[in-house]
Amino acid sequence: HSGPKGWHSAWDSRCFDYGKTDVLHFLLSN
């Protein structure tokens, strides 16, 4: 996700955008 929504404040890490087809392709293939 772009902006603050894409950051996990407690874990200091990035949050996936599960609505994007290419992200689903990446994660489901994983």
All heavy atoms as atom14 arrays in JSON, in Angstrom:
{
  "sequence": "HSGPKGWHSAWDSRCFDYGKTDVLHFLLSN",
  "atom14_mask": [
    [1, 1, 1, 1, 1, 1, 1, 1, 1, 1, 0, 0, 0, 0],
    [1, 1, 1, 1, 1, 1, 0, 0, 0, 0, 0, 0, 0, 0],
    [1, 1, 1, 1, 0, 0, 0, 0, 0, 0, 0, 0, 0, 0],
    [1, 1, 1, 1, 1, 1, 1, 0, 0, 0, 0, 0, 0, 0],
    [1, 1, 1, 1, 1, 1, 1, 1, 1, 0, 0, 0, 0, 0],
    [1, 1, 1, 1, 0, 0, 0, 0, 0, 0, 0, 0, 0, 0],
    [1, 1, 1, 1, 1, 1, 1, 1, 1, 1, 1, 1, 1, 1],
    [1, 1, 1, 1, 1, 1, 1, 1, 1, 1, 0, 0, 0, 0],
    [1, 1, 1, 1, 1, 1, 0, 0, 0, 0, 0, 0, 0, 0],
    [1, 1, 1, 1, 1, 0, 0, 0, 0, 0, 0, 0, 0, 0],
    [1, 1, 1, 1, 1, 1, 1, 1, 1, 1, 1, 1, 1, 1],
    [1, 1, 1, 1, 1, 1, 1, 1, 0, 0, 0, 0, 0, 0],
    [1, 1, 1, 1, 1, 1, 0, 0, 0, 0, 0, 0, 0, 0],
    [1, 1, 1, 1, 1, 1, 1, 1, 1, 1, 1, 0, 0, 0],
    [1, 1, 1, 1, 1, 1, 0, 0, 0, 0, 0, 0, 0, 0],
    [1, 1, 1, 1, 1, 1, 1, 1, 1, 1, 1, 0, 0, 0],
    [1, 1, 1, 1, 1, 1, 1, 1, 0, 0, 0, 0, 0, 0],
    [1, 1, 1, 1, 1, 1, 1, 1, 1, 1, 1, 1, 0, 0],
    [1, 1, 1, 1, 0, 0, 0, 0, 0, 0, 0, 0, 0, 0],
    [1, 1, 1, 1, 1, 1, 1, 1, 1, 0, 0, 0, 0, 0],
    [1, 1, 1, 1, 1, 1, 1, 0, 0, 0, 0, 0, 0, 0],
    [1, 1, 1, 1, 1, 1, 1, 1, 0, 0, 0, 0, 0, 0],
    [1, 1, 1, 1, 1, 1, 1, 0, 0, 0, 0, 0, 0, 0],
    [1, 1, 1, 1, 1, 1, 1, 1, 0, 0, 0, 0, 0, 0],
    [1, 1, 1, 1, 1, 1, 1, 1, 1, 1, 0, 0, 0, 0],
    [1, 1, 1, 1, 1, 1, 1, 1, 1, 1, 1, 0, 0, 0],
    [1, 1, 1, 1, 1, 1, 1, 1, 0, 0, 0, 0, 0, 0],
    [1, 1, 1, 1, 1, 1, 1, 1, 0, 0, 0, 0, 0, 0],
    [1, 1, 1, 1, 1, 1, 0, 0, 0, 0, 0, 0, 0, 0],
    [1, 1, 1, 1, 1, 1, 1, 1, 0, 0, 0, 0, 0, 0]
  ],
  "atom14_positions": [
    [[0.85, -1.19, 0.0], [0.0, 0.0, 0.0], [0.88, 1.24, 0.0], [1.95, 1.27, 0.61], [-0.9, 0.01, 1.23], [-1.99, -1.0, 1.2], [-3.08, -0.9, 0.35], [-2.18, -2.14, 1.92], [-3.89, -1.92, 0.55], [-3.37, -2.69, 1.49], [0.0, 0.0, 0.0], [0.0, 0.0, 0.0], [0.0, 0.0, 0.0], [0.0, 0.0, 0.0]],
    [[0.42, 2.27, -0.66], [1.15, 3.52, -0.68], [0.88, 4.31, 0.59], [-0.2, 4.2, 1.19], [0.73, 4.35, -1.89], [1.46, 5.56, -1.95], [0.0, 0.0, 0.0], [0.0, 0.0, 0.0], [0.0, 0.0, 0.0], [0.0, 0.0, 0.0], [0.0, 0.0, 0.0], [0.0, 0.0, 0.0], [0.0, 0.0, 0.0], [0.0, 0.0, 0.0]],
    [[1.86, 5.09, 1.01], [1.67, 5.96, 2.16], [1.64, 5.22, 3.49], [2.09, 4.08, 3.59], [0.0, 0.0, 0.0], [0.0, 0.0, 0.0], [0.0, 0.0, 0.0], [0.0, 0.0, 0.0], [0.0, 0.0, 0.0], [0.0, 0.0, 0.0], [0.0, 0.0, 0.0], [0.0, 0.0, 0.0], [0.0, 0.0, 0.0], [0.0, 0.0, 0.0]],
    [[1.06, 5.84, 4.52], [1.06, 5.26, 5.86], [0.43, 3.87, 5.93], [0.83, 3.04, 6.74], [0.25, 6.28, 6.69], [0.41, 7.57, 5.95], [0.47, 7.2, 4.5], [0.0, 0.0, 0.0], [0.0, 0.0, 0.0], [0.0, 0.0, 0.0], [0.0, 0.0, 0.0], [0.0, 0.0, 0.0], [0.0, 0.0, 0.0], [0.0, 0.0, 0.0]],
    [[-0.58, 3.61, 5.09], [-1.24, 2.3, 5.1], [-0.27, 1.18, 4.75], [-0.46, 0.02, 5.13], [-2.41, 2.3, 4.11], [-3.3, 1.07, 4.21], [-4.4, 1.08, 3.15], [-5.44, 2.13, 3.42], [-6.58, 2.04, 2.46], [0.0, 0.0, 0.0], [0.0, 0.0, 0.0], [0.0, 0.0, 0.0], [0.0, 0.0, 0.0], [0.0, 0.0, 0.0]],
    [[0.79, 1.51, 4.05], [1.77, 0.5, 3.63], [2.87, 0.24, 4.64], [3.81, -0.5, 4.34], [0.0, 0.0, 0.0], [0.0, 0.0, 0.0], [0.0, 0.0, 0.0], [0.0, 0.0, 0.0], [0.0, 0.0, 0.0], [0.0, 0.0, 0.0], [0.0, 0.0, 0.0], [0.0, 0.0, 0.0], [0.0, 0.0, 0.0], [0.0, 0.0, 0.0]],
    [[2.75, 0.84, 5.82], [3.78, 0.66, 6.85], [3.15, 0.11, 8.12], [2.11, 0.58, 8.58], [4.47, 1.99, 7.16], [5.33, 2.46, 6.03], [4.96, 3.23, 4.97], [6.7, 2.15, 5.82], [6.01, 3.43, 4.12], [7.1, 2.78, 4.63], [7.65, 1.41, 6.54], [8.39, 2.68, 4.12], [8.94, 1.32, 6.04], [9.3, 1.95, 4.85]],
    [[3.81, -0.89, 8.71], [3.37, -1.46, 9.99], [4.15, -0.75, 11.09], [5.34, -1.0, 11.29], [3.63, -2.96, 10.01], [2.87, -3.69, 11.07], [2.98, -3.39, 12.41], [1.98, -4.72, 10.98], [2.2, -4.2, 13.11], [1.56, -5.0, 12.26], [0.0, 0.0, 0.0], [0.0, 0.0, 0.0], [0.0, 0.0, 0.0], [0.0, 0.0, 0.0]],
    [[3.49, 0.12, 11.82], [4.19, 0.97, 12.79], [4.79, 0.16, 13.93], [5.87, 0.5, 14.44], [3.22, 2.01, 13.35], [2.09, 1.38, 13.97], [0.0, 0.0, 0.0], [0.0, 0.0, 0.0], [0.0, 0.0, 0.0], [0.0, 0.0, 0.0], [0.0, 0.0, 0.0], [0.0, 0.0, 0.0], [0.0, 0.0, 0.0], [0.0, 0.0, 0.0]],
    [[4.14, -0.92, 14.33], [4.64, -1.71, 15.46], [5.81, -2.61, 15.06], [6.68, -2.89, 15.88], [3.52, -2.56, 16.05], [0.0, 0.0, 0.0], [0.0, 0.0, 0.0], [0.0, 0.0, 0.0], [0.0, 0.0, 0.0], [0.0, 0.0, 0.0], [0.0, 0.0, 0.0], [0.0, 0.0, 0.0], [0.0, 0.0, 0.0], [0.0, 0.0, 0.0]],
    [[5.81, -3.06, 13.83], [6.86, -3.99, 13.38], [7.91, -3.32, 12.5], [8.87, -3.97, 12.1], [6.21, -5.15, 12.61], [5.32, -6.01, 13.45], [5.24, -6.03, 14.82], [4.38, -6.99, 12.98], [4.32, -6.95, 15.23], [3.77, -7.55, 14.13], [3.99, -7.44, 11.73], [2.79, -8.54, 14.05], [3.02, -8.42, 11.63], [2.44, -8.97, 12.78]],
    [[7.71, -2.04, 12.16], [8.64, -1.29, 11.31], [8.9, -2.03, 10.0], [10.04, -2.28, 9.61], [9.96, -1.05, 12.07], [10.82, 0.02, 11.4], [10.25, 0.89, 10.71], [12.05, -0.01, 11.56], [0.0, 0.0, 0.0], [0.0, 0.0, 0.0], [0.0, 0.0, 0.0], [0.0, 0.0, 0.0], [0.0, 0.0, 0.0], [0.0, 0.0, 0.0]],
    [[7.82, -2.38, 9.33], [7.91, -3.18, 8.11], [6.83, -2.75, 7.13], [6.02, -1.87, 7.41], [7.79, -4.67, 8.46], [6.6, -4.9, 9.2], [0.0, 0.0, 0.0], [0.0, 0.0, 0.0], [0.0, 0.0, 0.0], [0.0, 0.0, 0.0], [0.0, 0.0, 0.0], [0.0, 0.0, 0.0], [0.0, 0.0, 0.0], [0.0, 0.0, 0.0]],
    [[6.81, -3.37, 5.95], [5.89, -3.0, 4.87], [4.68, -3.93, 4.85], [4.8, -5.13, 5.11], [6.6, -3.06, 3.52], [7.82, -2.15, 3.37], [7.5, -0.67, 3.61], [6.31, -0.2, 2.93], [6.28, 0.27, 1.7], [7.39, 0.34, 0.98], [5.14, 0.7, 1.17], [0.0, 0.0, 0.0], [0.0, 0.0, 0.0], [0.0, 0.0, 0.0]],
    [[3.52, -3.37, 4.47], [2.27, -4.12, 4.43], [1.82, -4.32, 2.98], [1.66, -3.35, 2.23], [1.18, -3.37, 5.2], [1.56, -3.12, 6.95], [0.0, 0.0, 0.0], [0.0, 0.0, 0.0], [0.0, 0.0, 0.0], [0.0, 0.0, 0.0], [0.0, 0.0, 0.0], [0.0, 0.0, 0.0], [0.0, 0.0, 0.0], [0.0, 0.0, 0.0]],
    [[1.59, -5.57, 2.6], [1.21, -5.91, 1.24], [-0.17, -5.35, 0.87], [-1.06, -5.24, 1.72], [1.17, -7.43, 1.06], [2.52, -8.08, 0.98], [3.01, -8.8, 2.06], [3.28, -7.98, -0.17], [4.25, -9.42, 1.98], [4.53, -8.59, -0.26], [5.02, -9.31, 0.83], [0.0, 0.0, 0.0], [0.0, 0.0, 0.0], [0.0, 0.0, 0.0]],
    [[-0.33, -5.04, -0.41], [-1.62, -4.67, -0.96], [-2.22, -5.94, -1.57], [-1.91, -6.31, -2.71], [-1.46, -3.59, -2.04], [-2.8, -3.14, -2.63], [-3.82, -3.79, -2.35], [-2.81, -2.15, -3.37], [0.0, 0.0, 0.0], [0.0, 0.0, 0.0], [0.0, 0.0, 0.0], [0.0, 0.0, 0.0], [0.0, 0.0, 0.0], [0.0, 0.0, 0.0]],
    [[-3.09, -6.61, -0.81], [-3.63, -7.9, -1.23], [-4.7, -7.77, -2.32], [-5.19, -8.78, -2.82], [-4.22, -8.63, -0.02], [-3.22, -8.85, 1.09], [-3.25, -8.06, 2.24], [-2.25, -9.83, 0.98], [-2.33, -8.25, 3.26], [-1.32, -10.02, 2.0], [-1.36, -9.23, 3.12], [-0.44, -9.41, 4.13], [0.0, 0.0, 0.0], [0.0, 0.0, 0.0]],
    [[-5.02, -6.55, -2.69], [-6.0, -6.35, -3.75], [-5.41, -6.34, -5.14], [-6.14, -6.45, -6.13], [0.0, 0.0, 0.0], [0.0, 0.0, 0.0], [0.0, 0.0, 0.0], [0.0, 0.0, 0.0], [0.0, 0.0, 0.0], [0.0, 0.0, 0.0], [0.0, 0.0, 0.0], [0.0, 0.0, 0.0], [0.0, 0.0, 0.0], [0.0, 0.0, 0.0]],
    [[-4.07, -6.22, -5.26], [-3.43, -6.15, -6.57], [-3.19, -7.54, -7.14], [-2.67, -8.42, -6.45], [-2.09, -5.4, -6.45], [-2.23, -3.93, -6.08], [-0.91, -3.21, -6.06], [-0.36, -2.98, -7.46], [0.83, -2.09, -7.46], [0.0, 0.0, 0.0], [0.0, 0.0, 0.0], [0.0, 0.0, 0.0], [0.0, 0.0, 0.0], [0.0, 0.0, 0.0]],
    [[-3.53, -7.72, -8.39], [-3.42, -9.03, -9.03], [-1.99, -9.55, -9.01], [-1.73, -10.73, -8.73], [-3.94, -8.97, -10.47], [-5.34, -8.66, -10.45], [-3.73, -10.29, -11.2], [0.0, 0.0, 0.0], [0.0, 0.0, 0.0], [0.0, 0.0, 0.0], [0.0, 0.0, 0.0], [0.0, 0.0, 0.0], [0.0, 0.0, 0.0], [0.0, 0.0, 0.0]],
    [[-1.01, -8.68, -9.31], [0.37, -9.14, -9.36], [0.9, -9.5, -7.98], [1.78, -10.36, -7.85], [1.26, -8.07, -10.0], [1.02, -7.96, -11.5], [1.44, -8.88, -12.23], [0.4, -6.99, -11.94], [0.0, 0.0, 0.0], [0.0, 0.0, 0.0], [0.0, 0.0, 0.0], [0.0, 0.0, 0.0], [0.0, 0.0, 0.0], [0.0, 0.0, 0.0]],
    [[0.38, -8.86, -6.93], [0.77, -9.23, -5.57], [0.17, -10.58, -5.22], [0.84, -11.43, -4.61], [0.32, -8.14, -4.57], [0.57, -8.58, -3.13], [1.05, -6.84, -4.85], [0.0, 0.0, 0.0], [0.0, 0.0, 0.0], [0.0, 0.0, 0.0], [0.0, 0.0, 0.0], [0.0, 0.0, 0.0], [0.0, 0.0, 0.0], [0.0, 0.0, 0.0]],
    [[-1.08, -10.8, -5.61], [-1.68, -12.12, -5.41], [-0.89, -13.2, -6.15], [-0.67, -14.3, -5.64], [-3.13, -12.12, -5.88], [-4.14, -11.37, -5.02], [-5.53, -11.47, -5.66], [-4.18, -11.92, -3.62], [0.0, 0.0, 0.0], [0.0, 0.0, 0.0], [0.0, 0.0, 0.0], [0.0, 0.0, 0.0], [0.0, 0.0, 0.0], [0.0, 0.0, 0.0]],
    [[-0.46, -12.88, -7.37], [0.32, -13.83, -8.15], [1.61, -14.19, -7.42], [1.99, -15.37, -7.35], [0.63, -13.22, -9.52], [0.86, -14.23, -10.6], [1.48, -13.93, -11.79], [0.55, -15.55, -10.67], [1.53, -15.02, -12.53], [0.98, -16.01, -11.89], [0.0, 0.0, 0.0], [0.0, 0.0, 0.0], [0.0, 0.0, 0.0], [0.0, 0.0, 0.0]],
    [[2.26, -13.2, -6.85], [3.5, -13.4, -6.11], [3.27, -14.27, -4.87], [3.97, -15.27, -4.65], [4.07, -12.03, -5.72], [5.35, -12.07, -4.95], [6.57, -12.19, -5.59], [5.34, -11.97, -3.55], [7.76, -12.21, -4.88], [6.52, -12.0, -2.83], [7.74, -12.12, -3.49], [0.0, 0.0, 0.0], [0.0, 0.0, 0.0], [0.0, 0.0, 0.0]],
    [[2.3, -13.89, -4.06], [2.09, -14.57, -2.77], [1.48, -15.96, -2.94], [1.89, -16.91, -2.26], [1.21, -13.71, -1.87], [1.84, -12.39, -1.4], [0.82, -11.57, -0.61], [3.09, -12.63, -0.56], [0.0, 0.0, 0.0], [0.0, 0.0, 0.0], [0.0, 0.0, 0.0], [0.0, 0.0, 0.0], [0.0, 0.0, 0.0], [0.0, 0.0, 0.0]],
    [[0.5, -16.1, -3.82], [-0.1, -17.42, -4.03], [0.91, -18.39, -4.66], [0.93, -19.58, -4.32], [-1.35, -17.3, -4.91], [-2.54, -16.59, -4.27], [-3.67, -16.43, -5.28], [-3.03, -17.33, -3.04], [0.0, 0.0, 0.0], [0.0, 0.0, 0.0], [0.0, 0.0, 0.0], [0.0, 0.0, 0.0], [0.0, 0.0, 0.0], [0.0, 0.0, 0.0]],
    [[1.75, -17.87, -5.53], [2.81, -18.72, -6.11], [3.81, -19.12, -5.03], [4.36, -20.22, -5.06], [3.52, -17.98, -7.24], [2.62, -17.67, -8.28], [0.0, 0.0, 0.0], [0.0, 0.0, 0.0], [0.0, 0.0, 0.0], [0.0, 0.0, 0.0], [0.0, 0.0, 0.0], [0.0, 0.0, 0.0], [0.0, 0.0, 0.0], [0.0, 0.0, 0.0]],
    [[4.05, -18.22, -4.09], [4.93, -18.55, -2.98], [4.37, -19.68, -2.13], [5.11, -20.56, -1.68], [5.16, -17.3, -2.12], [6.34, -17.42, -1.2], [6.21, -17.26, 0.02], [7.51, -17.7, -1.74], [0.0, 0.0, 0.0], [0.0, 0.0, 0.0], [0.0, 0.0, 0.0], [0.0, 0.0, 0.0], [0.0, 0.0, 0.0], [0.0, 0.0, 0.0]]
  ]
}
